[in-house]
Amino acid sequence: MTQTLYLMRHGQTLFNVRRKIQGWCDAPLTQLGIYQAQKAGEWFKEREISFDCAYSSTSERACDTLEIITDMDYSRKKGLKEWNFGTFEGESEDLNPALPYGEFFKAYNGESEEEVRQRVSACLKEIMEKDGHESVLAVSHGASCAQFYLEWEKYNQVNRDGRLQNCCILKYLQSTCVTYVKKYKTNRYLRIVALSWRLCVCKWQYVDIKDRT
């Protein structure tokens, strides 16, 4: 069985414009951010893409983005939240260390890179294991989406080029392969389930408010 996950970053926020570190703290969508979400919704509608279920980070900027894209009911998940940057929250992006961040923010009451990656991956795995989840929309954040991308990078059919822009859409296919292996000198079989995520579409949203017609 193949399932489809549409993983998105939220629209542009006031903190994005002001170049503020925005992790677990929040900021409202700008007019451009609202427009980006509208364009993302149009992208789905033009391709007649529908969702069985929808999920969002608990952050307002992600919820607002999802509510612009679709009017369907959705669930909020803390596991989809942005990287916790600790005491650097709300500060200038100029204070960010060079990539990769690794353990840097752990020393400032934030999360390590591995913790973010495992949190987001575990949350999405739990979501996609639910019944009736063949096509799912999940709205999250830039660093969180990037860490999920890195977790499954070796399986990707396409590669990202640069940062994940606001309202970019990552389309993942999850394939499940079940293998039964007979144990040596017994009549019992082991059930081995292999899951793989493949990024097959990376839709960038380089839209500007001046492009409105």
Protein backbone atom coordinates (compact mmCIF):
# COMPACT_ATOMS: atom_id res chain seq x y z
CA MET A 1 0.00 0.00 0.00
CA THR A 2 1.23 3.50 -0.83
CA GLN A 3 0.21 6.52 1.20
CA THR A 4 0.75 10.18 0.35
CA LEU A 5 1.86 12.84 2.80
CA TYR A 6 1.82 16.52 1.84
CA LEU A 7 4.15 18.18 4.32
CA MET A 8 4.18 21.99 4.27
CA ARG A 9 5.85 24.93 5.89
CA HIS A 10 3.58 27.76 7.11
CA GLY A 11 3.22 31.09 5.30
CA GLN A 12 5.45 34.10 5.90
CA THR A 13 5.17 35.66 9.37
CA LEU A 14 6.07 38.99 10.94
CA PHE A 15 9.11 37.36 12.58
CA ASN A 16 10.25 36.04 9.18
CA VAL A 17 10.19 39.61 7.85
CA ARG A 18 12.04 40.95 10.89
CA ARG A 19 14.53 38.05 10.81
CA LYS A 20 13.70 36.90 14.33
CA ILE A 21 14.42 33.38 15.53
CA GLN A 22 11.00 31.77 15.64
CA GLY A 23 10.75 28.36 17.21
CA TRP A 24 8.17 27.69 19.90
CA CYS A 25 7.32 31.40 20.12
CA ASP A 26 4.82 32.66 17.55
CA ALA A 27 4.04 35.53 15.20
CA PRO A 28 1.07 36.25 12.91
CA LEU A 29 1.03 35.68 9.17
CA THR A 30 1.78 38.73 7.03
CA GLN A 31 -0.40 39.68 4.06
CA LEU A 32 2.14 37.87 1.89
CA GLY A 33 1.92 34.82 4.16
CA ILE A 34 -1.86 34.76 3.77
CA TYR A 35 -1.48 35.06 0.01
CA GLN A 36 1.08 32.23 -0.07
CA ALA A 37 -1.38 29.97 1.77
CA GLN A 38 -4.11 30.91 -0.69
CA LYS A 39 -1.84 30.02 -3.60
CA ALA A 40 -0.97 26.70 -1.99
CA GLY A 41 -4.68 25.96 -1.65
CA GLU A 42 -5.15 26.78 -5.34
CA TRP A 43 -2.28 24.43 -6.21
CA PHE A 44 -4.08 21.54 -4.51
CA LYS A 45 -7.45 22.40 -6.05
CA GLU A 46 -6.03 22.71 -9.57
CA ARG A 47 -4.69 19.16 -9.27
CA GLU A 48 -7.89 17.88 -7.64
CA ILE A 49 -5.93 16.79 -4.59
CA SER A 50 -8.08 15.99 -1.56
CA PHE A 51 -7.13 14.84 1.92
CA ASP A 52 -8.50 12.13 4.16
CA CYS A 53 -7.15 13.96 7.20
CA ALA A 54 -5.27 17.14 8.02
CA TYR A 55 -2.86 18.00 10.84
CA SER A 56 -1.08 21.11 12.03
CA SER A 57 1.54 22.16 14.50
CA THR A 58 -0.04 23.72 17.57
CA SER A 59 1.56 27.06 16.64
CA GLU A 60 -0.90 29.67 15.42
CA ARG A 61 1.03 30.45 12.23
CA ALA A 62 0.73 26.82 11.10
CA CYS A 63 -2.94 26.53 12.08
CA ASP A 64 -3.80 29.76 10.26
CA THR A 65 -2.01 28.51 7.14
CA LEU A 66 -3.94 25.24 7.15
CA GLU A 67 -7.29 26.99 7.70
CA ILE A 68 -6.67 29.12 4.61
CA ILE A 69 -5.79 26.08 2.50
CA THR A 70 -8.79 23.95 3.52
CA ASP A 71 -11.95 24.26 5.58
CA MET A 72 -11.88 20.62 6.69
CA ASP A 73 -11.56 19.65 10.35
CA TYR A 74 -8.01 19.04 11.50
CA SER A 75 -5.99 17.98 14.53
CA ARG A 76 -3.18 19.88 16.23
CA LYS A 77 -0.01 18.01 17.10
CA LYS A 78 2.80 19.21 19.37
CA GLY A 79 5.11 16.82 17.55
CA LEU A 80 4.89 19.03 14.45
CA LYS A 81 6.11 22.15 16.28
CA GLU A 82 9.22 24.01 15.22
CA TRP A 83 12.67 23.45 16.72
CA ASN A 84 12.83 24.75 20.29
CA PHE A 85 15.64 27.31 20.22
CA GLY A 86 15.62 27.92 23.97
CA THR A 87 16.78 31.35 25.14
CA PHE A 88 17.47 32.35 21.52
CA GLU A 89 13.72 32.52 20.83
CA GLY A 90 12.71 35.94 19.52
CA GLU A 91 16.30 37.08 19.05
CA SER A 92 17.94 38.14 15.78
CA GLU A 93 18.76 35.42 13.25
CA ASP A 94 22.25 36.91 13.17
CA LEU A 95 22.90 35.01 16.41
CA ASN A 96 22.36 31.62 14.77
CA PRO A 97 25.49 29.47 14.56
CA ALA A 98 26.67 27.97 11.30
CA LEU A 99 24.78 24.91 10.02
CA PRO A 100 24.42 22.19 11.09
CA TYR A 101 23.24 23.32 14.51
CA GLY A 102 23.80 19.92 16.11
CA GLU A 103 23.72 20.19 19.92
CA PHE A 104 24.15 23.99 20.05
CA PHE A 105 20.68 24.97 21.32
CA LYS A 106 20.62 22.13 23.85
CA ALA A 107 22.96 24.18 26.04
CA TYR A 108 20.41 27.03 26.06
CA ASN A 109 17.35 25.02 27.17
CA GLY A 110 16.42 24.18 23.59
CA GLU A 111 16.46 20.99 21.53
CA SER A 112 19.28 19.22 19.76
CA GLU A 113 19.09 18.48 16.04
CA GLU A 114 18.60 14.77 16.70
CA GLU A 115 15.77 15.43 19.16
CA VAL A 116 13.90 17.54 16.61
CA ARG A 117 14.40 14.97 13.88
CA GLN A 118 13.17 12.09 16.01
CA ARG A 119 10.21 14.06 17.40
CA VAL A 120 8.89 15.09 14.00
CA SER A 121 9.52 11.67 12.45
CA ALA A 122 7.78 9.87 15.32
CA CYS A 123 4.77 12.20 15.08
CA LEU A 124 4.36 11.74 11.32
CA LYS A 125 4.86 7.98 11.65
CA GLU A 126 2.09 7.84 14.26
CA ILE A 127 -0.19 9.88 11.99
CA MET A 128 0.37 7.76 8.90
CA GLU A 129 -0.19 4.51 10.80
CA LYS A 130 -3.81 5.45 11.47
CA ASP A 131 -6.59 3.85 9.44
CA GLY A 132 -8.04 5.85 6.58
CA HIS A 133 -4.93 8.00 6.14
CA GLU A 134 -4.09 7.46 2.49
CA SER A 135 -3.78 11.17 1.67
CA VAL A 136 -2.72 13.49 4.48
CA LEU A 137 -1.90 17.19 4.79
CA ALA A 138 0.44 18.28 7.59
CA VAL A 139 1.47 21.91 8.13
CA SER A 140 4.66 22.38 10.10
CA HIS A 141 7.76 24.59 10.08
CA GLY A 142 10.96 25.17 8.17
CA ALA A 143 13.48 23.46 10.45
CA SER A 144 11.08 20.65 11.35
CA CYS A 145 10.37 19.89 7.68
CA ALA A 146 14.09 20.06 6.95
CA GLN A 147 14.89 17.53 9.67
CA PHE A 148 12.26 15.13 8.35
CA TYR A 149 13.76 15.59 4.88
CA LEU A 150 17.22 14.70 6.22
CA GLU A 151 15.89 11.63 8.04
CA TRP A 152 14.73 10.08 4.73
CA GLU A 153 17.09 11.83 2.30
CA LYS A 154 18.64 8.64 0.91
CA TYR A 155 15.25 7.49 -0.43
CA ASN A 156 14.32 10.75 -2.16
CA GLN A 157 13.52 10.87 -5.87
CA VAL A 158 14.10 14.64 -5.99
CA ASN A 159 16.32 16.88 -3.94
CA ARG A 160 15.65 20.26 -2.43
CA ASP A 161 17.69 23.22 -3.58
CA GLY A 162 18.33 25.63 -0.74
CA ARG A 163 16.03 26.54 2.16
CA LEU A 164 12.45 25.39 2.43
CA GLN A 165 10.57 28.57 1.61
CA ASN A 166 7.30 29.64 3.20
CA CYS A 167 4.38 27.48 2.05
CA CYS A 168 6.59 25.09 0.09
CA ILE A 169 4.94 21.70 -0.41
CA LEU A 170 6.80 18.42 0.03
CA LYS A 171 4.97 15.41 -1.37
CA TYR A 172 6.09 12.13 0.19
CA LEU A 173 5.07 8.62 -0.76
CA GLN A 174 5.25 5.97 1.94
CA SER A 175 5.48 2.40 0.74
CA THR A 176 4.96 -0.56 3.04
CA CYS A 177 6.63 -3.86 2.25
CA VAL A 178 5.78 -6.93 4.34
CA THR A 179 8.13 -9.90 4.23
CA TYR A 180 7.77 -13.23 6.00
CA VAL A 181 10.99 -15.01 6.86
CA LYS A 182 11.06 -18.61 8.16
CA LYS A 183 13.17 -19.01 11.28
CA TYR A 184 15.94 -21.57 11.10
CA LYS A 185 14.99 -25.02 12.51
CA THR A 186 11.47 -23.89 13.44
CA ASN A 187 8.13 -23.65 11.71
CA ARG A 188 7.62 -20.07 12.86
CA TYR A 189 7.81 -17.05 10.59
CA LEU A 190 8.99 -13.57 11.36
CA ARG A 191 6.93 -10.70 9.96
CA ILE A 192 9.23 -7.92 8.79
CA VAL A 193 7.64 -4.62 7.88
CA ALA A 194 9.78 -2.14 6.00
CA LEU A 195 8.67 1.45 5.61
CA SER A 196 10.30 3.98 3.33
CA TRP A 197 9.48 7.61 2.65
CA ARG A 198 10.31 8.98 -0.80
CA LEU A 199 10.16 12.66 -1.61
CA CYS A 200 8.75 12.81 -5.13
CA VAL A 201 7.63 16.44 -5.45
CA CYS A 202 9.17 19.58 -3.98
CA LYS A 203 6.91 22.51 -4.88
CA TRP A 204 8.43 25.88 -4.11
CA GLN A 205 6.22 28.87 -3.33
CA TYR A 206 8.29 31.81 -4.54
CA VAL A 207 5.22 34.02 -4.72
CA ASP A 208 5.18 37.75 -4.10
CA ILE A 209 2.26 39.95 -3.19
CA LYS A 210 2.87 41.94 -6.39
CA ASP A 211 1.93 38.84 -8.41
CA ARG A 212 -1.71 39.10 -7.31
CA THR A 213 -4.18 39.50 -10.16
